[in-house]
Amino acid sequence: ENSAPREDTTRISYGGILYYQAVDISPVRRVDLAIRNIILGARRGSFKNPKPFHEALAGEIINAADGDSKCFSIARKDELEKHAVASR
């Protein structure tokens, strides 16, 4: 739940001009994005590293549960929400 973003941006074309609009994310997509970001963080944590994937995944889940900002999934959520706030 801590790594699931609440807002995202979508592209809208109006009169030939392309701009971004902030939108709310559905609950199912929030869960999908949270799981994807946790897996990507674990994959990055174990790539070219002696730490195996299962340890990196466990660390990513623990850091996401704690709300640690150095966790990849939390950082990705903050980045998405920051872009959404900027495009309001």
PDB file of N, CA and C in Angstrom:
ATOM      1  N   GLU A   1       0.823  -1.192   0.000  1.00  0.00           N
ATOM      2  CA  GLU A   1       0.000   0.000   0.000  1.00  0.00           C
ATOM      3  C   GLU A   1       0.867   1.255   0.000  1.00  0.00           C
ATOM      4  N   ASN A   2       2.016   1.212   0.679  1.00  0.00           N
ATOM      5  CA  ASN A   2       2.881   2.394   0.739  1.00  0.00           C
ATOM      6  C   ASN A   2       3.509   2.727  -0.603  1.00  0.00           C
ATOM      7  N   SER A   3       3.693   1.745  -1.468  1.00  0.00           N
ATOM      8  CA  SER A   3       4.367   1.998  -2.737  1.00  0.00           C
ATOM      9  C   SER A   3       3.390   2.156  -3.900  1.00  0.00           C
ATOM     10  N   ALA A   4       2.100   2.240  -3.619  1.00  0.00           N
ATOM     11  CA  ALA A   4       1.092   2.382  -4.670  1.00  0.00           C
ATOM     12  C   ALA A   4       0.792   3.864  -4.911  1.00  0.00           C
ATOM     13  N   PRO A   5       1.023   4.361  -6.127  1.00  0.00           N
ATOM     14  CA  PRO A   5       0.746   5.777  -6.405  1.00  0.00           C
ATOM     15  C   PRO A   5      -0.751   6.058  -6.457  1.00  0.00           C
ATOM     16  N   ARG A   6      -1.147   7.262  -6.073  1.00  0.00           N
ATOM     17  CA  ARG A   6      -2.553   7.649  -6.067  1.00  0.00           C
ATOM     18  C   ARG A   6      -2.948   8.418  -7.318  1.00  0.00           C
ATOM     19  N   GLU A   7      -1.994   9.125  -7.933  1.00  0.00           N
ATOM     20  CA  GLU A   7      -2.266   9.914  -9.122  1.00  0.00           C
ATOM     21  C   GLU A   7      -1.229   9.616 -10.186  1.00  0.00           C
ATOM     22  N   ASP A   8      -1.633   9.806 -11.443  1.00  0.00           N
ATOM     23  CA  ASP A   8      -0.735   9.631 -12.573  1.00  0.00           C
ATOM     24  C   ASP A   8      -1.096  10.697 -13.603  1.00  0.00           C
ATOM     25  N   THR A   9      -0.375  10.757 -14.679  1.00  0.00           N
ATOM     26  CA  THR A   9      -0.673  11.696 -15.742  1.00  0.00           C
ATOM     27  C   THR A   9      -1.071  10.942 -16.996  1.00  0.00           C
ATOM     28  N   THR A  10      -1.897  11.573 -17.803  1.00  0.00           N
ATOM     29  CA  THR A  10      -2.281  11.013 -19.095  1.00  0.00           C
ATOM     30  C   THR A  10      -2.149  12.115 -20.137  1.00  0.00           C
ATOM     31  N   ARG A  11      -1.883  11.702 -21.377  1.00  0.00           N
ATOM     32  CA  ARG A  11      -1.731  12.670 -22.457  1.00  0.00           C
ATOM     33  C   ARG A  11      -3.102  12.989 -23.053  1.00  0.00           C
ATOM     34  N   ILE A  12      -3.355  14.273 -23.260  1.00  0.00           N
ATOM     35  CA  ILE A  12      -4.604  14.720 -23.858  1.00  0.00           C
ATOM     36  C   ILE A  12      -4.255  15.634 -25.022  1.00  0.00           C
ATOM     37  N   SER A  13      -4.858  15.349 -26.169  1.00  0.00           N
ATOM     38  CA  SER A  13      -4.654  16.174 -27.346  1.00  0.00           C
ATOM     39  C   SER A  13      -5.904  17.015 -27.552  1.00  0.00           C
ATOM     40  N   TYR A  14      -5.725  18.316 -27.567  1.00  0.00           N
ATOM     41  CA  TYR A  14      -6.845  19.226 -27.725  1.00  0.00           C
ATOM     42  C   TYR A  14      -6.455  20.291 -28.747  1.00  0.00           C
ATOM     43  N   GLY A  15      -7.095  20.235 -29.902  1.00  0.00           N
ATOM     44  CA  GLY A  15      -6.812  21.208 -30.945  1.00  0.00           C
ATOM     45  C   GLY A  15      -5.409  21.087 -31.502  1.00  0.00           C
ATOM     46  N   GLY A  16      -4.876  19.898 -31.567  1.00  0.00           N
ATOM     47  CA  GLY A  16      -3.528  19.690 -32.087  1.00  0.00           C
ATOM     48  C   GLY A  16      -2.435  19.949 -31.079  1.00  0.00           C
ATOM     49  N   ILE A  17      -2.797  20.331 -29.875  1.00  0.00           N
ATOM     50  CA  ILE A  17      -1.814  20.584 -28.822  1.00  0.00           C
ATOM     51  C   ILE A  17      -1.862  19.425 -27.838  1.00  0.00           C
ATOM     52  N   LEU A  18      -0.703  18.913 -27.502  1.00  0.00           N
ATOM     53  CA  LEU A  18      -0.603  17.782 -26.591  1.00  0.00           C
ATOM     54  C   LEU A  18      -0.199  18.294 -25.212  1.00  0.00           C
ATOM     55  N   TYR A  19      -0.981  17.966 -24.207  1.00  0.00           N
ATOM     56  CA  TYR A  19      -0.621  18.323 -22.842  1.00  0.00           C
ATOM     57  C   TYR A  19      -0.977  17.180 -21.909  1.00  0.00           C
ATOM     58  N   TYR A  20      -0.449  17.250 -20.691  1.00  0.00           N
ATOM     59  CA  TYR A  20      -0.636  16.197 -19.711  1.00  0.00           C
ATOM     60  C   TYR A  20      -1.641  16.643 -18.655  1.00  0.00           C
ATOM     61  N   GLN A  21      -2.485  15.707 -18.252  1.00  0.00           N
ATOM     62  CA  GLN A  21      -3.519  15.981 -17.254  1.00  0.00           C
ATOM     63  C   GLN A  21      -3.382  14.971 -16.114  1.00  0.00           C
ATOM     64  N   ALA A  22      -3.472  15.439 -14.892  1.00  0.00           N
ATOM     65  CA  ALA A  22      -3.418  14.554 -13.728  1.00  0.00           C
ATOM     66  C   ALA A  22      -4.736  13.795 -13.594  1.00  0.00           C
ATOM     67  N   VAL A  23      -4.648  12.485 -13.341  1.00  0.00           N
ATOM     68  CA  VAL A  23      -5.833  11.650 -13.164  1.00  0.00           C
ATOM     69  C   VAL A  23      -5.622  10.740 -11.961  1.00  0.00           C
ATOM     70  N   ASP A  24      -6.739  10.344 -11.352  1.00  0.00           N
ATOM     71  CA  ASP A  24      -6.681   9.372 -10.267  1.00  0.00           C
ATOM     72  C   ASP A  24      -6.463   7.985 -10.853  1.00  0.00           C
ATOM     73  N   ILE A  25      -5.825   7.106 -10.079  1.00  0.00           N
ATOM     74  CA  ILE A  25      -5.543   5.749 -10.530  1.00  0.00           C
ATOM     75  C   ILE A  25      -6.544   4.805  -9.884  1.00  0.00           C
ATOM     76  N   SER A  26      -7.049   3.850 -10.658  1.00  0.00           N
ATOM     77  CA  SER A  26      -7.988   2.872 -10.126  1.00  0.00           C
ATOM     78  C   SER A  26      -7.268   1.959  -9.124  1.00  0.00           C
ATOM     79  N   PRO A  27      -7.997   1.365  -8.203  1.00  0.00           N
ATOM     80  CA  PRO A  27      -7.377   0.512  -7.181  1.00  0.00           C
ATOM     81  C   PRO A  27      -6.602  -0.679  -7.749  1.00  0.00           C
ATOM     82  N   VAL A  28      -7.114  -1.284  -8.810  1.00  0.00           N
ATOM     83  CA  VAL A  28      -6.423  -2.442  -9.389  1.00  0.00           C
ATOM     84  C   VAL A  28      -5.106  -2.010 -10.023  1.00  0.00           C
ATOM     85  N   ARG A  29      -5.121  -0.871 -10.717  1.00  0.00           N
ATOM     86  CA  ARG A  29      -3.885  -0.374 -11.335  1.00  0.00           C
ATOM     87  C   ARG A  29      -2.889   0.052 -10.267  1.00  0.00           C
ATOM     88  N   ARG A  30      -3.355   0.577  -9.144  1.00  0.00           N
ATOM     89  CA  ARG A  30      -2.442   0.933  -8.046  1.00  0.00           C
ATOM     90  C   ARG A  30      -1.672  -0.283  -7.573  1.00  0.00           C
ATOM     91  N   VAL A  31      -2.387  -1.403  -7.397  1.00  0.00           N
ATOM     92  CA  VAL A  31      -1.740  -2.634  -6.948  1.00  0.00           C
ATOM     93  C   VAL A  31      -0.765  -3.134  -8.009  1.00  0.00           C
ATOM     94  N   ASP A  32      -1.183  -3.087  -9.286  1.00  0.00           N
ATOM     95  CA  ASP A  32      -0.308  -3.531 -10.367  1.00  0.00           C
ATOM     96  C   ASP A  32       0.980  -2.707 -10.431  1.00  0.00           C
ATOM     97  N   LEU A  33       0.856  -1.381 -10.320  1.00  0.00           N
ATOM     98  CA  LEU A  33       2.044  -0.526 -10.353  1.00  0.00           C
ATOM     99  C   LEU A  33       2.937  -0.751  -9.139  1.00  0.00           C
ATOM    100  N   ALA A  34       2.335  -0.970  -7.983  1.00  0.00           N
ATOM    101  CA  ALA A  34       3.126  -1.214  -6.780  1.00  0.00           C
ATOM    102  C   ALA A  34       3.930  -2.505  -6.910  1.00  0.00           C
ATOM    103  N   ILE A  35       3.290  -3.562  -7.393  1.00  0.00           N
ATOM    104  CA  ILE A  35       3.997  -4.841  -7.556  1.00  0.00           C
ATOM    105  C   ILE A  35       5.085  -4.711  -8.613  1.00  0.00           C
ATOM    106  N   ARG A  36       4.775  -4.031  -9.718  1.00  0.00           N
ATOM    107  CA  ARG A  36       5.779  -3.868 -10.781  1.00  0.00           C
ATOM    108  C   ARG A  36       6.993  -3.100 -10.273  1.00  0.00           C
ATOM    109  N   ASN A  37       6.759  -2.023  -9.509  1.00  0.00           N
ATOM    110  CA  ASN A  37       7.876  -1.231  -9.000  1.00  0.00           C
ATOM    111  C   ASN A  37       8.692  -1.994  -7.965  1.00  0.00           C
ATOM    112  N   ILE A  38       8.054  -2.816  -7.162  1.00  0.00           N
ATOM    113  CA  ILE A  38       8.797  -3.631  -6.197  1.00  0.00           C
ATOM    114  C   ILE A  38       9.675  -4.640  -6.926  1.00  0.00           C
ATOM    115  N   ILE A  39       9.140  -5.280  -7.968  1.00  0.00           N
ATOM    116  CA  ILE A  39       9.925  -6.246  -8.737  1.00  0.00           C
ATOM    117  C   ILE A  39      11.081  -5.557  -9.457  1.00  0.00           C
ATOM    118  N   LEU A  40      10.829  -4.380 -10.050  1.00  0.00           N
ATOM    119  CA  LEU A  40      11.908  -3.650 -10.727  1.00  0.00           C
ATOM    120  C   LEU A  40      13.001  -3.247  -9.746  1.00  0.00           C
ATOM    121  N   GLY A  41      12.613  -2.825  -8.550  1.00  0.00           N
ATOM    122  CA  GLY A  41      13.604  -2.472  -7.536  1.00  0.00           C
ATOM    123  C   GLY A  41      14.426  -3.661  -7.095  1.00  0.00           C
ATOM    124  N   ALA A  42      13.792  -4.819  -6.957  1.00  0.00           N
ATOM    125  CA  ALA A  42      14.532  -6.024  -6.578  1.00  0.00           C
ATOM    126  C   ALA A  42      15.460  -6.462  -7.709  1.00  0.00           C
ATOM    127  N   ARG A  43      14.991  -6.332  -8.941  1.00  0.00           N
ATOM    128  CA  ARG A  43      15.828  -6.707 -10.084  1.00  0.00           C
ATOM    129  C   ARG A  43      17.047  -5.808 -10.179  1.00  0.00           C
ATOM    130  N   ARG A  44      16.838  -4.500  -9.961  1.00  0.00           N
ATOM    131  CA  ARG A  44      17.973  -3.576  -9.990  1.00  0.00           C
ATOM    132  C   ARG A  44      18.919  -3.811  -8.817  1.00  0.00           C
ATOM    133  N   GLY A  45      18.366  -4.206  -7.680  1.00  0.00           N
ATOM    134  CA  GLY A  45      19.198  -4.454  -6.511  1.00  0.00           C
ATOM    135  C   GLY A  45      20.057  -5.700  -6.624  1.00  0.00           C
ATOM    136  N   SER A  46      19.649  -6.660  -7.437  1.00  0.00           N
ATOM    137  CA  SER A  46      20.421  -7.892  -7.550  1.00  0.00           C
ATOM    138  C   SER A  46      21.228  -7.971  -8.840  1.00  0.00           C
ATOM    139  N   PHE A  47      21.070  -7.009  -9.750  1.00  0.00           N
ATOM    140  CA  PHE A  47      21.796  -7.034 -11.017  1.00  0.00           C
ATOM    141  C   PHE A  47      23.242  -6.629 -10.799  1.00  0.00           C
ATOM    142  N   LYS A  48      24.176  -7.464 -11.270  1.00  0.00           N
ATOM    143  CA  LYS A  48      25.627  -7.242 -11.111  1.00  0.00           C
ATOM    144  C   LYS A  48      25.984  -7.002  -9.649  1.00  0.00           C
ATOM    145  N   ASN A  49      25.401  -7.805  -8.793  1.00  0.00           N
ATOM    146  CA  ASN A  49      25.583  -7.664  -7.356  1.00  0.00           C
ATOM    147  C   ASN A  49      25.632  -9.071  -6.770  1.00  0.00           C
ATOM    148  N   PRO A  50      26.461  -9.320  -5.781  1.00  0.00           N
ATOM    149  CA  PRO A  50      26.495 -10.667  -5.205  1.00  0.00           C
ATOM    150  C   PRO A  50      25.223 -11.048  -4.445  1.00  0.00           C
ATOM    151  N   LYS A  51      24.363 -10.072  -4.153  1.00  0.00           N
ATOM    152  CA  LYS A  51      23.127 -10.361  -3.434  1.00  0.00           C
ATOM    153  C   LYS A  51      22.154 -11.089  -4.368  1.00  0.00           C
ATOM    154  N   PRO A  52      21.630 -12.248  -3.968  1.00  0.00           N
ATOM    155  CA  PRO A  52      20.674 -12.961  -4.825  1.00  0.00           C
ATOM    156  C   PRO A  52      19.336 -12.227  -4.908  1.00  0.00           C
ATOM    157  N   PHE A  53      18.542 -12.616  -5.911  1.00  0.00           N
ATOM    158  CA  PHE A  53      17.283 -11.932  -6.180  1.00  0.00           C
ATOM    159  C   PHE A  53      16.318 -12.034  -5.006  1.00  0.00           C
ATOM    160  N   HIS A  54      16.229 -13.204  -4.391  1.00  0.00           N
ATOM    161  CA  HIS A  54      15.256 -13.362  -3.305  1.00  0.00           C
ATOM    162  C   HIS A  54      15.596 -12.482  -2.107  1.00  0.00           C
ATOM    163  N   GLU A  55      16.873 -12.235  -1.846  1.00  0.00           N
ATOM    164  CA  GLU A  55      17.241 -11.325  -0.758  1.00  0.00           C
ATOM    165  C   GLU A  55      16.931  -9.876  -1.128  1.00  0.00           C
ATOM    166  N   ALA A  56      17.181  -9.528  -2.391  1.00  0.00           N
ATOM    167  CA  ALA A  56      16.871  -8.171  -2.839  1.00  0.00           C
ATOM    168  C   ALA A  56      15.364  -7.930  -2.803  1.00  0.00           C
ATOM    169  N   LEU A  57      14.580  -8.939  -3.173  1.00  0.00           N
ATOM    170  CA  LEU A  57      13.123  -8.817  -3.141  1.00  0.00           C
ATOM    171  C   LEU A  57      12.628  -8.655  -1.702  1.00  0.00           C
ATOM    172  N   ALA A  58      13.182  -9.439  -0.787  1.00  0.00           N
ATOM    173  CA  ALA A  58      12.789  -9.326   0.617  1.00  0.00           C
ATOM    174  C   ALA A  58      13.139  -7.944   1.172  1.00  0.00           C
ATOM    175  N   GLY A  59      14.309  -7.437   0.823  1.00  0.00           N
ATOM    176  CA  GLY A  59      14.712  -6.109   1.275  1.00  0.00           C
ATOM    177  C   GLY A  59      13.818  -5.019   0.713  1.00  0.00           C
ATOM    178  N   GLU A  60      13.445  -5.161  -0.553  1.00  0.00           N
ATOM    179  CA  GLU A  60      12.570  -4.171  -1.188  1.00  0.00           C
ATOM    180  C   GLU A  60      11.188  -4.176  -0.535  1.00  0.00           C
ATOM    181  N   ILE A  61      10.664  -5.350  -0.234  1.00  0.00           N
ATOM    182  CA  ILE A  61       9.338  -5.440   0.406  1.00  0.00           C
ATOM    183  C   ILE A  61       9.379  -4.850   1.818  1.00  0.00           C
ATOM    184  N   ILE A  62      10.434  -5.138   2.560  1.00  0.00           N
ATOM    185  CA  ILE A  62      10.562  -4.608   3.920  1.00  0.00           C
ATOM    186  C   ILE A  62      10.690  -3.092   3.888  1.00  0.00           C
ATOM    187  N   ASN A  63      11.529  -2.566   2.978  1.00  0.00           N
ATOM    188  CA  ASN A  63      11.690  -1.113   2.881  1.00  0.00           C
ATOM    189  C   ASN A  63      10.406  -0.431   2.420  1.00  0.00           C
ATOM    190  N   ALA A  64       9.656  -1.076   1.521  1.00  0.00           N
ATOM    191  CA  ALA A  64       8.383  -0.505   1.066  1.00  0.00           C
ATOM    192  C   ALA A  64       7.369  -0.505   2.205  1.00  0.00           C
ATOM    193  N   ALA A  65       7.359  -1.541   3.022  1.00  0.00           N
ATOM    194  CA  ALA A  65       6.432  -1.601   4.148  1.00  0.00           C
ATOM    195  C   ALA A  65       6.764  -0.536   5.194  1.00  0.00           C
ATOM    196  N   ASP A  66       8.062  -0.234   5.355  1.00  0.00           N
ATOM    197  CA  ASP A  66       8.473   0.798   6.305  1.00  0.00           C
ATOM    198  C   ASP A  66       8.289   2.208   5.759  1.00  0.00           C
ATOM    199  N   GLY A  67       8.091   2.334   4.444  1.00  0.00           N
ATOM    200  CA  GLY A  67       7.951   3.653   3.832  1.00  0.00           C
ATOM    201  C   GLY A  67       9.269   4.366   3.668  1.00  0.00           C
ATOM    202  N   ASP A  68      10.352   3.603   3.556  1.00  0.00           N
ATOM    203  CA  ASP A  68      11.698   4.150   3.432  1.00  0.00           C
ATOM    204  C   ASP A  68      11.864   4.820   2.067  1.00  0.00           C
ATOM    205  N   SER A  69      12.360   6.046   2.041  1.00  0.00           N
ATOM    206  CA  SER A  69      12.460   6.787   0.784  1.00  0.00           C
ATOM    207  C   SER A  69      13.597   6.301  -0.105  1.00  0.00           C
ATOM    208  N   LYS A  70      14.540   5.517   0.429  1.00  0.00           N
ATOM    209  CA  LYS A  70      15.606   4.992  -0.424  1.00  0.00           C
ATOM    210  C   LYS A  70      15.158   3.740  -1.180  1.00  0.00           C
ATOM    211  N   CYS A  71      13.970   3.258  -0.871  1.00  0.00           N
ATOM    212  CA  CYS A  71      13.383   2.118  -1.568  1.00  0.00           C
ATOM    213  C   CYS A  71      12.986   2.559  -2.978  1.00  0.00           C
ATOM    214  N   PHE A  72      13.272   1.732  -3.997  1.00  0.00           N
ATOM    215  CA  PHE A  72      13.003   2.090  -5.390  1.00  0.00           C
ATOM    216  C   PHE A  72      11.518   2.333  -5.622  1.00  0.00           C
ATOM    217  N   SER A  73      10.671   1.476  -5.084  1.00  0.00           N
ATOM    218  CA  SER A  73       9.241   1.610  -5.351  1.00  0.00           C
ATOM    219  C   SER A  73       8.652   2.864  -4.700  1.00  0.00           C
ATOM    220  N   ILE A  74       9.128   3.240  -3.539  1.00  0.00           N
ATOM    221  CA  ILE A  74       8.655   4.461  -2.887  1.00  0.00           C
ATOM    222  C   ILE A  74       9.156   5.685  -3.649  1.00  0.00           C
ATOM    223  N   ALA A  75      10.403   5.645  -4.094  1.00  0.00           N
ATOM    224  CA  ALA A  75      10.949   6.759  -4.860  1.00  0.00           C
ATOM    225  C   ALA A  75      10.204   6.923  -6.179  1.00  0.00           C
ATOM    226  N   ARG A  76       9.854   5.807  -6.820  1.00  0.00           N
ATOM    227  CA  ARG A  76       9.113   5.850  -8.084  1.00  0.00           C
ATOM    228  C   ARG A  76       7.702   6.414  -7.863  1.00  0.00           C
ATOM    229  N   LYS A  77       7.068   6.026  -6.754  1.00  0.00           N
ATOM    230  CA  LYS A  77       5.728   6.547  -6.421  1.00  0.00           C
ATOM    231  C   LYS A  77       5.785   8.048  -6.202  1.00  0.00           C
ATOM    232  N   ASP A  78       6.782   8.517  -5.457  1.00  0.00           N
ATOM    233  CA  ASP A  78       6.918   9.944  -5.205  1.00  0.00           C
ATOM    234  C   ASP A  78       7.153  10.718  -6.502  1.00  0.00           C
ATOM    235  N   GLU A  79       7.936  10.137  -7.405  1.00  0.00           N
ATOM    236  CA  GLU A  79       8.209  10.781  -8.685  1.00  0.00           C
ATOM    237  C   GLU A  79       6.936  10.892  -9.527  1.00  0.00           C
ATOM    238  N   LEU A  80       6.140   9.822  -9.591  1.00  0.00           N
ATOM    239  CA  LEU A  80       4.893   9.859 -10.352  1.00  0.00           C
ATOM    240  C   LEU A  80       3.926  10.885  -9.789  1.00  0.00           C
ATOM    241  N   GLU A  81       3.791  10.913  -8.486  1.00  0.00           N
ATOM    242  CA  GLU A  81       2.873  11.869  -7.868  1.00  0.00           C
ATOM    243  C   GLU A  81       3.352  13.304  -8.010  1.00  0.00           C
ATOM    244  N   LYS A  82       4.672  13.518  -8.023  1.00  0.00           N
ATOM    245  CA  LYS A  82       5.198  14.855  -8.214  1.00  0.00           C
ATOM    246  C   LYS A  82       4.893  15.358  -9.628  1.00  0.00           C
ATOM    247  N   HIS A  83       5.013  14.488 -10.637  1.00  0.00           N
ATOM    248  CA  HIS A  83       4.662  14.857 -12.010  1.00  0.00           C
ATOM    249  C   HIS A  83       3.165  15.156 -12.132  1.00  0.00           C
ATOM    250  N   ALA A  84       2.347  14.389 -11.415  1.00  0.00           N
ATOM    251  CA  ALA A  84       0.903  14.602 -11.467  1.00  0.00           C
ATOM    252  C   ALA A  84       0.525  15.944 -10.847  1.00  0.00           C
ATOM    253  N   VAL A  85       1.169  16.299  -9.751  1.00  0.00           N
ATOM    254  CA  VAL A  85       0.880  17.580  -9.107  1.00  0.00           C
ATOM    255  C   VAL A  85       1.317  18.726 -10.019  1.00  0.00           C
ATOM    256  N   ALA A  86       2.417  18.565 -10.720  1.00  0.00           N
ATOM    257  CA  ALA A  86       2.912  19.608 -11.610  1.00  0.00           C
ATOM    258  C   ALA A  86       2.018  19.796 -12.827  1.00  0.00           C
ATOM    259  N   SER A  87       1.273  18.763 -13.224  1.00  0.00           N
ATOM    260  CA  SER A  87       0.460  18.869 -14.437  1.00  0.00           C
ATOM    261  C   SER A  87      -1.007  19.154 -14.138  1.00  0.00           C
ATOM    262  N   ARG A  88      -1.328  19.580 -12.962  1.00  0.00           N
ATOM    263  CA  ARG A  88      -2.724  19.925 -12.625  1.00  0.00           C
ATOM    264  C   ARG A  88      -3.143  21.206 -13.292  1.00  0.00           C
TER     265      ARG A  88
END
